[in-house]
Amino acid sequence: MKKFFAFICSVLCLSAAGCQEKIDVTESSSETSQTSTDEVITPDEDSEEYSLGSYKVSESGIKIYNENDAVPDDIMKTLETYFTSFQNRDFDTYKTCLFPGYADNMETYLQRDYEYGLQESFESQCDNLESMAGGEFNITRIRAVPTGEENFENFFDVLNEGFGVDYYSEVKEKSDSLNDLYFSIMAEADGEETLLISDFEIVFAQKDGKYYTFG
């Protein structure tokens, strides 16, 4: 079960040594506030942001990197909502991003094997992300790309084991589609922007026109 706990708490276990990429956020703040959410922005070649590529700006001011619209916009919105729920310590919003029934299965598993619940797990993730960021943080950039592998069986192995059922088959049956992605997150804390999470795998399931995740 150690590998399962490593999966569900993956954001807690990422090395702080990976948070090396830093950008001065003071120059770009005014640009972000004046940008249409539908406009694709390509930084000037002499900008320190140029190497990060083109982006759009979400309604909340987060820069969204989704090269050639390779990932559905609604997935990017759910990914944003999911991670800003940690930023805002908003447990109710966090649960809206989870696949239907996942929260109940996870609650049962955590109470049975660890004697605490999903909300305590969520608060721990908030604490650890804040520690990794260097203080209270705001998400500034989100990037996602398809893995190109659709390695769903391996992804769900730990959930099958933890829940004691063939959870992958259950999700497949109830979903219209599955998407396997790598994502990265940048965040600002105390005036400094850092790479918080880099190229980590996440799966989204589409059900009744909405996208949900697991974690």
C-alpha atoms as a PDB file:
ATOM      1  CA  MET A   1       0.000   0.000   0.000  1.00  0.00           C
ATOM      2  CA  LYS A   2       2.981   2.328   0.167  1.00  0.00           C
ATOM      3  CA  LYS A   3       2.845   2.901  -3.589  1.00  0.00           C
ATOM      4  CA  PHE A   4      -0.817   3.860  -3.308  1.00  0.00           C
ATOM      5  CA  PHE A   5      -0.121   6.440  -0.647  1.00  0.00           C
ATOM      6  CA  ALA A   6       2.743   7.761  -2.769  1.00  0.00           C
ATOM      7  CA  PHE A   7       0.285   8.219  -5.629  1.00  0.00           C
ATOM      8  CA  ILE A   8      -2.439  10.008  -3.717  1.00  0.00           C
ATOM      9  CA  CYS A   9       0.035  12.247  -1.925  1.00  0.00           C
ATOM     10  CA  SER A  10       2.366  12.730  -4.885  1.00  0.00           C
ATOM     11  CA  VAL A  11       2.262  16.483  -4.643  1.00  0.00           C
ATOM     12  CA  LEU A  12       3.588  16.164  -1.113  1.00  0.00           C
ATOM     13  CA  CYS A  13       6.581  14.080  -2.118  1.00  0.00           C
ATOM     14  CA  LEU A  14       8.022  16.154  -4.979  1.00  0.00           C
ATOM     15  CA  SER A  15      11.529  17.311  -4.142  1.00  0.00           C
ATOM     16  CA  ALA A  16      11.990  20.955  -3.344  1.00  0.00           C
ATOM     17  CA  ALA A  17      15.109  20.668  -5.489  1.00  0.00           C
ATOM     18  CA  GLY A  18      12.799  20.611  -8.492  1.00  0.00           C
ATOM     19  CA  CYS A  19      11.566  24.111  -7.771  1.00  0.00           C
ATOM     20  CA  GLN A  20      14.448  25.903  -9.446  1.00  0.00           C
ATOM     21  CA  GLU A  21      12.912  27.762 -12.358  1.00  0.00           C
ATOM     22  CA  LYS A  22      12.167  31.302 -11.201  1.00  0.00           C
ATOM     23  CA  ILE A  23      10.712  34.312 -12.980  1.00  0.00           C
ATOM     24  CA  ASP A  24      10.351  37.879 -11.800  1.00  0.00           C
ATOM     25  CA  VAL A  25       6.572  38.302 -11.685  1.00  0.00           C
ATOM     26  CA  THR A  26       6.526  42.060 -11.246  1.00  0.00           C
ATOM     27  CA  GLU A  27       7.019  42.806 -14.954  1.00  0.00           C
ATOM     28  CA  SER A  28       4.206  40.588 -16.216  1.00  0.00           C
ATOM     29  CA  SER A  29       1.437  41.454 -13.736  1.00  0.00           C
ATOM     30  CA  SER A  30       0.076  44.418 -15.674  1.00  0.00           C
ATOM     31  CA  GLU A  31       0.167  42.463 -18.942  1.00  0.00           C
ATOM     32  CA  THR A  32      -1.892  39.681 -17.433  1.00  0.00           C
ATOM     33  CA  SER A  33      -4.574  41.955 -16.030  1.00  0.00           C
ATOM     34  CA  GLN A  34      -5.153  43.613 -19.418  1.00  0.00           C
ATOM     35  CA  THR A  35      -5.339  40.433 -21.512  1.00  0.00           C
ATOM     36  CA  SER A  36      -8.437  38.868 -23.069  1.00  0.00           C
ATOM     37  CA  THR A  37      -8.968  35.306 -21.902  1.00  0.00           C
ATOM     38  CA  ASP A  38      -9.371  34.157 -25.559  1.00  0.00           C
ATOM     39  CA  GLU A  39      -6.208  35.757 -26.896  1.00  0.00           C
ATOM     40  CA  VAL A  40      -3.107  33.654 -27.541  1.00  0.00           C
ATOM     41  CA  ILE A  41      -0.044  35.572 -26.359  1.00  0.00           C
ATOM     42  CA  THR A  42       3.451  34.913 -27.647  1.00  0.00           C
ATOM     43  CA  PRO A  43       6.137  36.643 -25.540  1.00  0.00           C
ATOM     44  CA  ASP A  44       8.787  38.695 -27.309  1.00  0.00           C
ATOM     45  CA  GLU A  45      11.982  36.821 -28.098  1.00  0.00           C
ATOM     46  CA  ASP A  46      13.945  39.009 -25.679  1.00  0.00           C
ATOM     47  CA  SER A  47      11.490  38.281 -22.838  1.00  0.00           C
ATOM     48  CA  GLU A  48      12.484  35.912 -20.039  1.00  0.00           C
ATOM     49  CA  GLU A  49       9.118  34.230 -20.632  1.00  0.00           C
ATOM     50  CA  TYR A  50       9.838  33.430 -24.287  1.00  0.00           C
ATOM     51  CA  SER A  51      11.176  29.927 -23.565  1.00  0.00           C
ATOM     52  CA  LEU A  52       7.907  28.998 -21.846  1.00  0.00           C
ATOM     53  CA  GLY A  53       5.963  29.411 -25.090  1.00  0.00           C
ATOM     54  CA  SER A  54       2.617  30.940 -25.994  1.00  0.00           C
ATOM     55  CA  TYR A  55      -0.260  31.059 -23.544  1.00  0.00           C
ATOM     56  CA  LYS A  56      -3.773  32.254 -22.834  1.00  0.00           C
ATOM     57  CA  VAL A  57      -4.912  33.943 -19.632  1.00  0.00           C
ATOM     58  CA  SER A  58      -7.793  32.476 -17.646  1.00  0.00           C
ATOM     59  CA  GLU A  59     -10.541  34.550 -16.062  1.00  0.00           C
ATOM     60  CA  SER A  60      -8.657  34.403 -12.766  1.00  0.00           C
ATOM     61  CA  GLY A  61      -5.449  35.701 -14.364  1.00  0.00           C
ATOM     62  CA  ILE A  62      -3.548  32.403 -14.556  1.00  0.00           C
ATOM     63  CA  LYS A  63      -1.435  31.818 -17.660  1.00  0.00           C
ATOM     64  CA  ILE A  64      -2.530  28.638 -19.411  1.00  0.00           C
ATOM     65  CA  TYR A  65      -0.040  26.810 -21.644  1.00  0.00           C
ATOM     66  CA  ASN A  66      -1.831  24.411 -23.994  1.00  0.00           C
ATOM     67  CA  GLU A  67       0.197  24.210 -27.190  1.00  0.00           C
ATOM     68  CA  ASN A  68      -1.992  24.012 -30.307  1.00  0.00           C
ATOM     69  CA  ASP A  69      -5.018  23.338 -28.078  1.00  0.00           C
ATOM     70  CA  ALA A  70      -3.785  19.765 -27.621  1.00  0.00           C
ATOM     71  CA  VAL A  71      -5.847  19.462 -24.414  1.00  0.00           C
ATOM     72  CA  PRO A  72      -9.580  20.343 -24.325  1.00  0.00           C
ATOM     73  CA  ASP A  73     -10.231  23.755 -22.784  1.00  0.00           C
ATOM     74  CA  ASP A  74     -12.655  22.235 -20.288  1.00  0.00           C
ATOM     75  CA  ILE A  75      -9.900  19.966 -18.966  1.00  0.00           C
ATOM     76  CA  MET A  76      -7.623  22.961 -18.526  1.00  0.00           C
ATOM     77  CA  LYS A  77     -10.404  24.730 -16.608  1.00  0.00           C
ATOM     78  CA  THR A  78     -10.900  21.722 -14.337  1.00  0.00           C
ATOM     79  CA  LEU A  79      -7.142  21.466 -13.781  1.00  0.00           C
ATOM     80  CA  GLU A  80      -7.110  25.133 -12.813  1.00  0.00           C
ATOM     81  CA  THR A  81     -10.060  24.718 -10.449  1.00  0.00           C
ATOM     82  CA  TYR A  82      -8.462  21.641  -8.909  1.00  0.00           C
ATOM     83  CA  PHE A  83      -5.189  23.358  -8.057  1.00  0.00           C
ATOM     84  CA  THR A  84      -6.634  26.698  -7.029  1.00  0.00           C
ATOM     85  CA  SER A  85      -8.738  24.740  -4.523  1.00  0.00           C
ATOM     86  CA  PHE A  86      -5.452  23.853  -2.772  1.00  0.00           C
ATOM     87  CA  GLN A  87      -4.310  27.458  -3.032  1.00  0.00           C
ATOM     88  CA  ASN A  88      -7.575  28.644  -1.457  1.00  0.00           C
ATOM     89  CA  ARG A  89      -7.941  25.691   0.933  1.00  0.00           C
ATOM     90  CA  ASP A  90     -11.413  25.165  -0.509  1.00  0.00           C
ATOM     91  CA  PHE A  91     -12.343  21.558   0.221  1.00  0.00           C
ATOM     92  CA  ASP A  92     -15.836  21.809  -1.264  1.00  0.00           C
ATOM     93  CA  THR A  93     -14.492  23.058  -4.608  1.00  0.00           C
ATOM     94  CA  TYR A  94     -11.796  20.375  -4.556  1.00  0.00           C
ATOM     95  CA  LYS A  95     -14.477  17.671  -4.282  1.00  0.00           C
ATOM     96  CA  THR A  96     -16.322  19.021  -7.347  1.00  0.00           C
ATOM     97  CA  CYS A  97     -13.238  18.139  -9.419  1.00  0.00           C
ATOM     98  CA  LEU A  98     -13.244  14.481  -8.333  1.00  0.00           C
ATOM     99  CA  PHE A  99     -14.896  11.725 -10.332  1.00  0.00           C
ATOM    100  CA  PRO A 100     -18.345  10.866  -8.919  1.00  0.00           C
ATOM    101  CA  GLY A 101     -17.995   8.307  -6.138  1.00  0.00           C
ATOM    102  CA  TYR A 102     -14.224   8.740  -5.852  1.00  0.00           C
ATOM    103  CA  ALA A 103     -14.433  10.833  -2.682  1.00  0.00           C
ATOM    104  CA  ASP A 104     -16.549   8.199  -0.922  1.00  0.00           C
ATOM    105  CA  ASN A 105     -14.182   5.387  -1.947  1.00  0.00           C
ATOM    106  CA  MET A 106     -11.167   7.379  -0.806  1.00  0.00           C
ATOM    107  CA  GLU A 107     -12.812   8.324   2.484  1.00  0.00           C
ATOM    108  CA  THR A 108     -13.497   4.652   3.219  1.00  0.00           C
ATOM    109  CA  TYR A 109      -9.954   3.643   2.319  1.00  0.00           C
ATOM    110  CA  LEU A 110      -8.272   6.378   4.357  1.00  0.00           C
ATOM    111  CA  GLN A 111     -10.430   5.800   7.440  1.00  0.00           C
ATOM    112  CA  ARG A 112      -9.850   2.049   7.256  1.00  0.00           C
ATOM    113  CA  ASP A 113      -6.091   2.079   6.736  1.00  0.00           C
ATOM    114  CA  TYR A 114      -4.949   5.438   8.170  1.00  0.00           C
ATOM    115  CA  GLU A 115      -7.715   6.498  10.582  1.00  0.00           C
ATOM    116  CA  TYR A 116      -8.216   9.912   9.043  1.00  0.00           C
ATOM    117  CA  GLY A 117     -10.384  11.157   6.205  1.00  0.00           C
ATOM    118  CA  LEU A 118     -10.265  12.897   2.856  1.00  0.00           C
ATOM    119  CA  GLN A 119     -10.523  16.378   4.330  1.00  0.00           C
ATOM    120  CA  GLU A 120      -7.481  15.764   6.534  1.00  0.00           C
ATOM    121  CA  SER A 121      -5.612  14.456   3.483  1.00  0.00           C
ATOM    122  CA  PHE A 122      -6.616  17.589   1.556  1.00  0.00           C
ATOM    123  CA  GLU A 123      -5.407  19.881   4.331  1.00  0.00           C
ATOM    124  CA  SER A 124      -2.078  18.039   4.416  1.00  0.00           C
ATOM    125  CA  GLN A 125      -1.675  18.562   0.685  1.00  0.00           C
ATOM    126  CA  CYS A 126      -2.417  22.272   1.134  1.00  0.00           C
ATOM    127  CA  ASP A 127       0.198  22.501   3.897  1.00  0.00           C
ATOM    128  CA  ASN A 128       2.846  20.716   1.878  1.00  0.00           C
ATOM    129  CA  LEU A 129       2.254  22.695  -1.304  1.00  0.00           C
ATOM    130  CA  GLU A 130       2.539  25.877   0.760  1.00  0.00           C
ATOM    131  CA  SER A 131       5.792  24.622   2.243  1.00  0.00           C
ATOM    132  CA  MET A 132       7.152  23.762  -1.194  1.00  0.00           C
ATOM    133  CA  ALA A 133       6.163  27.206  -2.517  1.00  0.00           C
ATOM    134  CA  GLY A 134       7.822  28.985   0.399  1.00  0.00           C
ATOM    135  CA  GLY A 135       4.668  30.388   1.949  1.00  0.00           C
ATOM    136  CA  GLU A 136       1.078  31.211   1.015  1.00  0.00           C
ATOM    137  CA  PHE A 137       0.972  30.995  -2.757  1.00  0.00           C
ATOM    138  CA  ASN A 138      -1.007  31.862  -5.854  1.00  0.00           C
ATOM    139  CA  ILE A 139      -0.996  29.668  -8.959  1.00  0.00           C
ATOM    140  CA  THR A 140       0.444  31.701 -11.834  1.00  0.00           C
ATOM    141  CA  ARG A 141       0.928  29.239 -14.713  1.00  0.00           C
ATOM    142  CA  ILE A 142      -0.474  25.852 -15.698  1.00  0.00           C
ATOM    143  CA  ARG A 143       0.835  23.710 -18.528  1.00  0.00           C
ATOM    144  CA  ALA A 144      -0.600  20.398 -19.760  1.00  0.00           C
ATOM    145  CA  VAL A 145       0.225  18.084 -22.657  1.00  0.00           C
ATOM    146  CA  PRO A 146      -1.041  14.623 -23.625  1.00  0.00           C
ATOM    147  CA  THR A 147       1.274  11.819 -22.508  1.00  0.00           C
ATOM    148  CA  GLY A 148       0.730  10.109 -25.847  1.00  0.00           C
ATOM    149  CA  GLU A 149       0.600   6.753 -24.062  1.00  0.00           C
ATOM    150  CA  GLU A 150      -2.841   6.376 -22.429  1.00  0.00           C
ATOM    151  CA  ASN A 151      -1.324   4.188 -19.737  1.00  0.00           C
ATOM    152  CA  PHE A 152      -4.576   3.954 -17.817  1.00  0.00           C
ATOM    153  CA  GLU A 153      -4.160   0.422 -16.462  1.00  0.00           C
ATOM    154  CA  ASN A 154      -0.965   1.303 -14.607  1.00  0.00           C
ATOM    155  CA  PHE A 155      -2.403   4.607 -13.410  1.00  0.00           C
ATOM    156  CA  PHE A 156      -5.407   2.892 -11.828  1.00  0.00           C
ATOM    157  CA  ASP A 157      -3.527  -0.098 -10.363  1.00  0.00           C
ATOM    158  CA  VAL A 158      -3.003   1.608  -7.033  1.00  0.00           C
ATOM    159  CA  LEU A 159      -6.640   2.691  -6.846  1.00  0.00           C
ATOM    160  CA  ASN A 160      -7.819  -0.842  -7.650  1.00  0.00           C
ATOM    161  CA  GLU A 161      -5.687  -2.083  -4.766  1.00  0.00           C
ATOM    162  CA  GLY A 162      -6.693   0.621  -2.318  1.00  0.00           C
ATOM    163  CA  PHE A 163     -10.425   0.416  -3.025  1.00  0.00           C
ATOM    164  CA  GLY A 164     -10.453  -3.387  -3.233  1.00  0.00           C
ATOM    165  CA  VAL A 165     -12.389  -3.377  -6.534  1.00  0.00           C
ATOM    166  CA  ASP A 166     -11.682  -3.190 -10.255  1.00  0.00           C
ATOM    167  CA  TYR A 167     -12.025   0.578 -10.111  1.00  0.00           C
ATOM    168  CA  TYR A 168     -10.542   1.097 -13.579  1.00  0.00           C
ATOM    169  CA  SER A 169     -13.297  -1.005 -15.199  1.00  0.00           C
ATOM    170  CA  GLU A 170     -15.897   0.910 -13.212  1.00  0.00           C
ATOM    171  CA  VAL A 171     -14.528   4.258 -14.387  1.00  0.00           C
ATOM    172  CA  LYS A 172     -14.339   3.093 -18.014  1.00  0.00           C
ATOM    173  CA  GLU A 173     -17.935   1.931 -17.920  1.00  0.00           C
ATOM    174  CA  LYS A 174     -19.225   5.187 -16.472  1.00  0.00           C
ATOM    175  CA  SER A 175     -17.072   7.554 -18.579  1.00  0.00           C
ATOM    176  CA  ASP A 176     -17.428   8.862 -22.105  1.00  0.00           C
ATOM    177  CA  SER A 177     -13.661   9.267 -22.506  1.00  0.00           C
ATOM    178  CA  LEU A 178     -10.360   9.259 -20.605  1.00  0.00           C
ATOM    179  CA  ASN A 179      -7.395  11.618 -21.041  1.00  0.00           C
ATOM    180  CA  ASP A 180      -3.864  10.933 -19.833  1.00  0.00           C
ATOM    181  CA  LEU A 181      -1.795  14.102 -19.360  1.00  0.00           C
ATOM    182  CA  TYR A 182       1.423  15.522 -17.980  1.00  0.00           C
ATOM    183  CA  PHE A 183       1.015  18.819 -16.146  1.00  0.00           C
ATOM    184  CA  SER A 184       3.266  21.454 -14.606  1.00  0.00           C
ATOM    185  CA  ILE A 185       2.370  24.206 -12.140  1.00  0.00           C
ATOM    186  CA  MET A 186       4.109  27.480 -11.326  1.00  0.00           C
ATOM    187  CA  ALA A 187       3.173  29.553  -8.309  1.00  0.00           C
ATOM    188  CA  GLU A 188       4.108  32.868  -6.713  1.00  0.00           C
ATOM    189  CA  ALA A 189       4.863  33.261  -3.021  1.00  0.00           C
ATOM    190  CA  ASP A 190       6.321  36.360  -1.362  1.00  0.00           C
ATOM    191  CA  GLY A 191       6.917  38.037  -4.738  1.00  0.00           C
ATOM    192  CA  GLU A 192       8.856  35.125  -6.231  1.00  0.00           C
ATOM    193  CA  GLU A 193       7.600  32.677  -8.843  1.00  0.00           C
ATOM    194  CA  THR A 194       8.811  29.069  -8.765  1.00  0.00           C
ATOM    195  CA  LEU A 195       8.178  25.806 -10.546  1.00  0.00           C
ATOM    196  CA  LEU A 196       6.024  23.947  -8.047  1.00  0.00           C
ATOM    197  CA  ILE A 197       5.235  20.715  -9.931  1.00  0.00           C
ATOM    198  CA  SER A 198       6.925  19.540 -13.131  1.00  0.00           C
ATOM    199  CA  ASP A 199       5.605  17.059 -15.733  1.00  0.00           C
ATOM    200  CA  PHE A 200       3.491  14.938 -13.413  1.00  0.00           C
ATOM    201  CA  GLU A 201       0.881  12.496 -14.729  1.00  0.00           C
ATOM    202  CA  ILE A 202      -2.830  13.058 -14.203  1.00  0.00           C
ATOM    203  CA  VAL A 203      -5.913  11.362 -15.686  1.00  0.00           C
ATOM    204  CA  PHE A 204      -9.229  13.030 -16.476  1.00  0.00           C
ATOM    205  CA  ALA A 205     -12.509  11.242 -17.158  1.00  0.00           C
ATOM    206  CA  GLN A 206     -15.344  12.848 -19.076  1.00  0.00           C
ATOM    207  CA  LYS A 207     -18.836  12.067 -17.827  1.00  0.00           C
ATOM    208  CA  ASP A 208     -22.040  13.791 -18.932  1.00  0.00           C
ATOM    209  CA  GLY A 209     -20.094  16.613 -20.565  1.00  0.00           C
ATOM    210  CA  LYS A 210     -17.876  17.364 -17.536  1.00  0.00           C
ATOM    211  CA  TYR A 211     -14.291  16.437 -16.758  1.00  0.00           C
ATOM    212  CA  TYR A 212     -13.184  14.956 -13.452  1.00  0.00           C
ATOM    213  CA  THR A 213      -9.899  13.778 -11.991  1.00  0.00           C
ATOM    214  CA  PHE A 214      -8.607  11.364  -9.336  1.00  0.00           C
ATOM    215  CA  GLY A 215      -6.381  12.457  -6.481  1.00  0.00           C
END
